[in-house]
Protein backbone atom coordinates (compact mmCIF):
# COMPACT_ATOMS: atom_id res chain seq x y z
CA MET A 1 -0.05 0.09 -0.06
CA PRO A 2 1.27 3.55 -0.68
CA TYR A 3 3.73 4.98 1.36
CA VAL A 4 5.57 8.53 0.75
CA SER A 5 8.78 7.68 0.06
CA ARG A 6 12.41 8.04 2.19
CA PHE A 7 10.31 8.87 4.82
CA LEU A 8 10.02 6.90 8.06
CA PRO A 9 9.98 8.61 11.74
CA SER A 10 13.19 6.04 12.95
CA GLN A 11 15.07 7.93 10.07
CA SER A 12 13.57 11.27 9.07
CA ALA A 13 11.38 12.58 12.08
CA PRO A 14 13.14 14.12 15.54
CA LEU A 15 14.55 11.47 17.61
CA PHE A 16 13.68 13.79 20.53
CA HIS A 17 10.27 13.63 22.64
CA ASN A 18 7.35 16.16 22.55
CA GLY A 19 9.22 17.84 25.71
CA PRO A 20 9.89 19.18 28.14
CA TRP A 21 12.03 21.77 26.15
CA PRO A 22 15.26 24.19 27.28
CA ALA A 23 14.41 26.37 29.91
CA GLY A 24 13.70 29.66 28.60
CA LEU A 25 11.61 28.48 26.37
CA ASP A 26 8.37 30.92 26.27
CA LEU A 27 5.46 32.40 23.89
CA ARG A 28 5.11 35.72 23.99
CA ILE A 29 1.82 37.97 23.58
CA SER A 30 1.67 41.52 23.12
CA LEU A 31 -1.82 42.98 22.76
CA ALA A 32 -2.41 46.68 21.48
CA GLY A 33 -2.44 49.14 24.73
CA LEU A 34 -1.23 46.47 27.56
CA PRO A 35 2.29 45.26 28.88
CA ALA A 36 3.84 42.19 26.61
CA VAL A 37 3.24 39.02 28.29
CA SER A 38 4.86 35.59 28.59
CA ILE A 39 4.03 32.43 28.98
CA ASP A 40 6.53 29.42 30.00
CA VAL A 41 5.97 26.67 27.32
CA THR A 42 8.45 24.34 28.83
CA GLN A 43 6.50 21.73 30.15
CA MET A 44 3.67 22.12 27.01
CA GLY A 45 3.34 19.64 24.36
CA LEU A 46 4.30 21.45 20.50
CA CYS A 47 3.55 18.27 18.67
CA GLY A 48 2.14 20.56 16.10
CA GLY A 49 5.48 22.11 15.34
CA MET A 50 7.66 18.97 15.53
CA SER A 51 4.71 17.54 12.91
CA PHE A 52 5.25 20.66 10.57
CA LEU A 53 8.97 20.50 11.37
CA ALA A 54 9.56 17.25 10.66
CA ARG A 55 7.23 17.06 7.09
CA ASP A 56 10.11 20.65 6.23
CA ILE A 57 13.00 18.37 6.60
CA HIS A 58 11.77 15.82 4.71
CA GLU A 59 10.90 17.76 1.81
CA SER A 60 13.77 20.22 1.97
CA GLY A 61 16.16 17.43 1.97
CA THR A 62 17.91 17.91 5.17
CA PRO A 63 19.65 16.20 7.99
CA GLN A 64 17.45 13.88 10.44
CA LEU A 65 17.57 15.71 13.63
CA ARG A 66 19.22 13.18 15.96
CA ALA A 67 19.38 14.76 19.92
CA THR A 68 17.62 12.56 21.70
CA SER A 69 17.01 14.85 24.90
CA SER A 70 14.39 17.63 23.93
CA ARG A 71 15.20 19.12 27.18
CA SER A 72 18.83 19.51 25.63
CA ILE A 73 18.02 21.42 22.69
CA PRO A 74 19.24 24.55 21.68
CA LEU A 75 17.05 27.26 22.75
CA PRO A 76 16.75 28.52 19.06
CA LEU A 77 15.16 25.50 17.67
CA GLY A 78 12.80 25.00 20.57
CA ARG A 79 11.64 28.65 19.41
CA HIS A 80 11.77 27.41 15.71
CA ILE A 81 9.72 24.05 17.00
CA LEU A 82 7.22 26.77 18.87
CA ALA A 83 6.86 28.55 15.80
CA ARG A 84 5.76 25.84 13.87
CA LEU A 85 3.65 25.03 16.58
CA LEU A 86 1.70 28.31 15.91
CA ASP A 87 1.72 27.90 12.31
CA SER A 88 -0.44 25.13 12.50
CA PHE A 89 -2.84 26.88 13.95
CA VAL A 90 -2.83 29.66 11.44
CA GLY A 91 -4.74 28.09 8.25
CA PRO A 92 -8.18 28.78 7.13
CA GLY A 93 -10.87 27.62 9.56
CA VAL A 94 -8.52 25.65 11.76
CA ILE A 95 -9.21 27.07 15.13
CA PRO A 96 -12.62 27.30 14.63
CA TYR A 97 -12.75 23.86 13.54
CA TRP A 98 -11.14 22.43 16.62
CA ILE A 99 -13.47 23.97 18.96
CA HIS A 100 -16.21 22.36 16.62
CA ALA A 101 -14.77 18.42 16.59
CA ILE A 102 -14.47 18.60 20.79
CA GLN A 103 -17.90 19.96 20.61
CA GLU A 104 -19.71 17.49 18.68
CA LEU A 105 -20.60 14.30 19.24
CA ASP A 106 -19.59 11.02 17.61
CA HIS A 107 -22.34 9.93 15.87
CA GLY A 108 -24.61 12.49 13.51
CA THR A 109 -28.25 13.39 14.49
CA TRP A 110 -30.42 15.20 12.85
CA PHE A 111 -29.98 18.61 14.89
CA TRP A 112 -26.03 18.66 14.74
CA GLY A 113 -25.35 17.23 11.42
CA LYS A 114 -22.82 14.16 10.41
CA GLY A 115 -21.15 13.81 14.09
CA LEU A 116 -17.22 13.49 14.55
CA TYR A 117 -17.00 10.05 13.32
CA ALA A 118 -18.75 10.62 9.78
CA GLU A 119 -16.19 13.91 9.32
CA THR A 120 -13.15 11.57 10.26
CA VAL A 121 -14.37 8.80 7.54
CA ASP A 122 -14.08 12.26 5.35
CA ALA A 123 -11.34 12.84 5.97
CA ALA A 124 -9.30 9.65 6.13
CA ARG A 125 -10.17 9.66 2.26
CA GLN A 126 -8.36 12.89 1.81
CA VAL A 127 -5.52 11.45 3.60
CA MET A 128 -5.16 8.63 1.42
CA ARG A 129 -5.49 10.65 -1.93
CA TYR A 130 -2.60 12.47 -0.14
CA VAL A 131 -0.03 10.52 0.66
CA GLY A 132 -1.08 8.45 -2.62
CA ALA A 133 0.43 11.58 -4.39
CA GLY A 134 3.32 11.32 -2.71
CA GLY A 135 3.02 14.10 0.39
CA LEU A 136 2.86 13.75 4.23
CA VAL A 137 -0.31 14.74 5.81
CA PRO A 138 -0.51 16.47 9.00
CA ILE A 139 -3.59 15.33 10.74
CA GLY A 140 -5.57 16.97 13.99
CA VAL A 141 -6.30 14.03 16.12
CA VAL A 142 -9.13 14.73 18.22
CA LEU A 143 -8.70 13.68 21.71
CA ALA A 144 -11.14 15.58 24.07
CA GLN A 145 -15.07 16.18 24.09
CA SER A 146 -15.59 19.31 25.97
CA ALA A 147 -17.66 22.02 25.42
CA TRP A 148 -14.71 24.49 26.80
CA PRO A 149 -12.86 26.17 23.94
CA TRP A 150 -9.38 26.05 25.92
CA ASP A 151 -9.45 21.92 25.93
CA VAL A 152 -8.32 21.90 22.44
CA PHE A 153 -4.95 22.24 24.34
CA GLN A 154 -5.60 18.52 25.32
CA ASN A 155 -5.94 17.10 21.41
CA HIS A 156 -2.42 16.02 19.44
CA VAL A 157 -1.22 16.42 15.88
CA GLU A 158 0.68 13.39 14.04
CA LEU A 159 2.15 13.14 10.43
CA VAL A 160 0.99 10.82 7.79
CA TYR A 161 3.35 8.46 5.69
CA GLY A 162 1.11 5.80 4.87
CA TYR A 163 -1.70 3.55 4.77
CA ASP A 164 -3.01 0.00 4.22
CA LEU A 165 -6.39 -1.09 3.12
CA VAL A 166 -7.90 -4.60 3.77
CA ASP A 167 -11.09 -4.42 2.49
CA THR A 168 -12.82 -1.53 4.45
CA ALA A 169 -10.49 -1.85 7.32
CA LEU A 170 -7.72 1.61 7.27
CA THR A 171 -4.49 1.64 8.43
CA LEU A 172 -2.57 4.62 8.93
CA HIS A 173 0.57 4.95 9.77
CA VAL A 174 1.87 8.50 11.52
CA TYR A 175 4.98 9.96 12.90
CA ASP A 176 3.64 10.50 16.83
CA SER A 177 6.31 13.07 18.53
CA ASN A 178 5.47 11.24 21.67
CA TYR A 179 6.90 7.99 20.89
CA GLU A 180 9.88 9.63 19.21
CA GLY A 181 12.07 6.97 17.12
CA SER A 182 9.07 4.66 16.21
CA ASP A 183 7.86 3.44 12.92
CA ASN A 184 5.45 1.36 14.44
CA VAL A 185 2.49 3.81 15.55
CA THR A 186 -0.82 3.41 13.83
CA ILE A 187 -4.46 4.96 13.80
CA THR A 188 -7.24 2.32 12.39
CA LEU A 189 -10.53 2.75 11.59
CA ASP A 190 -13.49 1.78 9.77
CA VAL A 191 -14.03 3.70 6.19
CA GLY A 192 -16.92 1.38 4.28
CA SER A 193 -19.60 2.92 6.35
CA SER A 194 -19.77 6.67 8.30
CA ALA A 195 -22.56 5.68 10.34
CA PRO A 196 -23.07 5.02 13.49
CA ALA A 197 -19.75 6.20 14.92
CA ARG A 198 -17.32 2.85 15.08
CA PRO A 199 -13.91 2.33 17.45
CA ILE A 200 -11.24 4.70 16.08
CA LEU A 201 -8.22 2.28 17.77
CA THR A 202 -4.26 3.55 18.03
CA ASN A 203 -1.00 2.67 19.87
CA GLY A 204 0.31 5.80 19.81
CA THR A 205 -1.51 8.99 21.89
CA SER A 206 -5.11 8.18 23.15
CA MET A 207 -7.82 9.58 24.91
CA PRO A 208 -7.09 10.59 28.53
CA GLY A 209 -9.14 7.51 30.18
CA ARG A 210 -9.37 5.52 27.36
CA SER A 211 -6.11 4.13 26.28
CA GLY A 212 -6.11 2.57 22.60
CA TYR A 213 -8.74 5.29 20.91
CA ILE A 214 -9.13 8.33 19.96
CA ARG A 215 -12.42 10.58 18.59
CA GLY A 216 -11.23 10.99 15.44
CA PHE A 217 -9.19 13.54 12.81
CA PHE A 218 -9.36 15.84 10.14
CA VAL A 219 -6.21 17.11 8.05
CA LEU A 220 -4.32 20.17 9.20
CA PRO A 221 -3.68 22.98 6.04
CA TYR A 222 0.30 23.09 5.73
CA GLN A 223 2.59 25.55 4.02
CA ARG A 224 6.26 24.72 3.62
CA LYS A 225 9.12 26.93 5.77
CA ASP A 226 12.79 26.57 5.96
CA PRO A 227 13.98 24.27 8.44
CA SER A 228 16.94 26.07 8.24
CA PRO A 229 17.06 27.79 12.02
CA ALA A 230 16.51 24.39 13.41
CA TYR A 231 20.47 23.68 12.47
CA VAL A 232 22.37 25.27 15.42
CA ASP A 233 26.21 24.04 15.10
CA ASP A 234 27.56 24.10 18.60
CA GLY A 235 29.45 22.85 20.85
CA GLN A 236 33.67 22.59 22.63
CA VAL A 237 36.53 20.97 21.53
CA THR A 238 39.30 20.04 24.31
CA PHE A 239 42.70 18.11 24.64
CA ALA A 240 41.61 14.59 26.58
CA GLY A 241 45.28 14.36 27.70
CA PRO A 242 48.37 15.80 27.98
CA VAL A 243 50.40 17.95 25.25
CA PRO A 244 53.86 18.50 25.07
CA THR A 245 55.04 21.46 25.91
CA SER A 246 58.66 21.09 23.70
CA VAL A 247 59.29 19.19 20.45
CA THR A 248 61.84 18.00 18.08
CA PRO A 249 62.29 19.45 14.58
CA GLY A 250 59.52 17.76 12.31
CA GLU A 251 58.32 15.42 15.27
CA THR A 252 55.01 13.52 14.94
CA VAL A 253 52.36 14.18 18.12
CA ASN A 254 49.24 11.80 18.77
CA LEU A 255 47.18 13.29 20.40
CA SER A 256 43.47 12.85 21.66
CA VAL A 257 40.49 15.47 21.75
CA THR A 258 37.50 15.30 23.00
CA ILE A 259 34.22 16.57 21.29
CA ASP A 260 31.12 17.60 22.63
CA ASN A 261 28.29 18.66 20.78
CA SER A 262 25.73 20.91 22.13
CA GLY A 263 24.40 22.01 18.69
CA SER A 264 21.35 20.34 17.06
CA THR A 265 23.08 18.56 14.07
CA THR A 266 24.67 15.77 13.50
CA PHE A 267 29.21 16.23 12.97
CA ASP A 268 29.13 14.18 10.01
CA PRO A 269 32.58 14.23 7.91
CA GLY A 270 30.53 13.81 4.78
CA GLN A 271 28.52 16.98 5.69
CA GLY A 272 32.15 18.96 5.92
CA TYR A 273 32.60 18.53 9.91
CA ARG A 274 36.06 18.70 10.32
CA LEU A 275 38.61 20.25 13.35
CA GLY A 276 40.54 22.90 12.41
CA THR A 277 44.13 25.24 13.09
CA GLN A 278 43.68 28.15 15.15
CA SER A 279 45.61 30.89 16.29
CA PRO A 280 45.85 32.22 13.58
CA PRO A 281 42.91 30.29 12.05
CA ASP A 282 44.03 27.50 8.99
CA ASN A 283 47.63 27.95 9.71
CA THR A 284 49.61 25.01 8.43
CA ASP A 285 52.22 25.04 11.53
CA TRP A 286 51.41 21.60 12.53
CA GLY A 287 51.32 19.86 8.92
CA THR A 288 48.09 20.72 7.77
CA THR A 289 45.12 23.19 8.64
CA ARG A 290 42.68 19.94 8.99
CA PHE A 291 41.81 16.91 10.61
CA GLU A 292 38.96 14.41 9.28
CA LEU A 293 36.76 13.18 12.20
CA SER A 294 37.34 9.14 12.82
CA GLU A 295 33.17 9.11 13.55
CA SER A 296 30.27 11.28 13.64
CA VAL A 297 29.04 12.73 16.35
CA ASP A 298 25.06 13.20 17.31
CA PRO A 299 24.23 15.95 19.65
CA GLY A 300 23.96 15.33 23.55
CA ARG A 301 27.17 12.73 22.77
CA VAL A 302 30.85 13.46 23.75
CA SER A 303 33.40 11.51 21.02
CA THR A 304 37.05 11.04 21.90
CA GLN A 305 39.22 10.64 19.12
CA ALA A 306 42.64 10.78 17.95
CA VAL A 307 44.84 13.77 16.07
CA SER A 308 48.21 12.88 14.92
CA VAL A 309 49.81 16.68 14.10
CA ARG A 310 53.57 17.41 12.57
CA ALA A 311 56.24 19.63 14.78
CA PRO A 312 57.55 22.73 12.26
CA LEU A 313 61.22 22.75 12.04
CA THR A 314 61.71 26.11 14.32
CA GLY A 315 59.76 28.39 16.48
CA SER A 316 57.45 28.15 19.36
CA PRO A 317 53.94 27.74 17.61
CA THR A 318 50.58 27.93 19.35
CA LEU A 319 48.27 24.17 19.07
CA GLN A 320 44.84 25.02 19.53
CA LEU A 321 41.96 23.34 17.79
CA GLN A 322 38.42 24.47 16.65
CA MET A 323 35.58 22.77 15.03
CA LEU A 324 33.74 23.45 11.71
CA ARG A 325 32.03 23.40 8.74
CA GLU A 326 33.95 23.54 5.83
CA SER A 327 33.27 26.72 3.57
CA VAL A 328 30.46 27.47 6.01
CA HIS A 329 31.54 28.52 9.45
CA TRP A 330 34.37 28.07 12.55
CA PHE A 331 31.80 27.27 15.81
CA GLY A 332 31.70 26.33 19.48
CA ARG A 333 34.97 26.39 21.70
CA PRO A 334 38.30 25.28 21.09
CA THR A 335 40.62 24.30 22.77
CA GLU A 336 42.99 25.76 25.38
CA PRO A 337 46.15 27.51 23.39
CA VAL A 338 48.92 25.27 24.37
CA THR A 339 52.46 27.43 22.98
CA VAL A 340 54.92 24.62 21.93
CA THR A 341 58.61 25.01 22.21
CA VAL A 342 60.41 23.72 18.79
CA SER A 343 63.85 21.96 20.96
CA THR A 344 66.41 19.65 19.72
CA THR A 345 66.31 18.67 22.94
CA ALA A 346 62.52 18.00 24.16
CA PRO A 347 61.61 17.00 27.30
CA VAL A 348 58.91 14.28 27.85
CA ALA A 349 55.24 15.68 28.55
């Protein structure tokens, strides 16, 4: 059955959970004539932003965000996800339909019309058309039933990337940001008839007090946005062991460096991530300006790697290394600078 090409949550969507978020993430609201108000969102779910960002990344062909701790992601990434959450509410009629969906009955009636189940069957057919055409589909998953409009925030947003249809039993395969890294989250319903309402099953995010069930869903309008702000290069490089302060001319010195990735990007050698010389930048005092990484370093990881440098024939050069992305920028904190004397009688480090 149809699946969106080259998309799987474990390989394409962010690998961190839908919160909690880094300290300082807040929503600023400013109304004319009133002082600005900040709302702390560090404990809120940002599922709409997560789902929209996952589609942005897929359609832009940019790398997967492989951080595994939502609390430790860079604050600019958190702000970008929050902005995409707000985008998930701004489509035509989205907020009114959310309110309508939580207030209406599951079954159709003469007075209230179709009912949420019948509207969900219509939405399911729309989802199948979109996925069949090769597109990811963000859906608003209705969990709450309430007369209080504020309860729209008790609902959820997921991203459909495939489906199976056996007779009238439809199974949607979804990215659920509460089940990060899972390729097995599904929503199942019978689309053979829109009445009476039938159970809609899921092994993902479900109704409070009724595990395994949702009330319904609808298709959210989507506009693509550049995911570049989600990619933050940051980290620190330190020498993992002693550095000799005196070497012989042309001597090869084997060092260990520790690379701590505190950004949101993976330091992938294939994407141009390398160590480079500093003090001054790009100096060739140590035989080369660049040192290849022996392995990729995911966000939140610390990697210790070997570096070999060759001493010059004379002088007292400074040894200092820093991370860079080739032809893009230097970033993060470099090693502490070490002044090394080239001597014909170098002491043991």
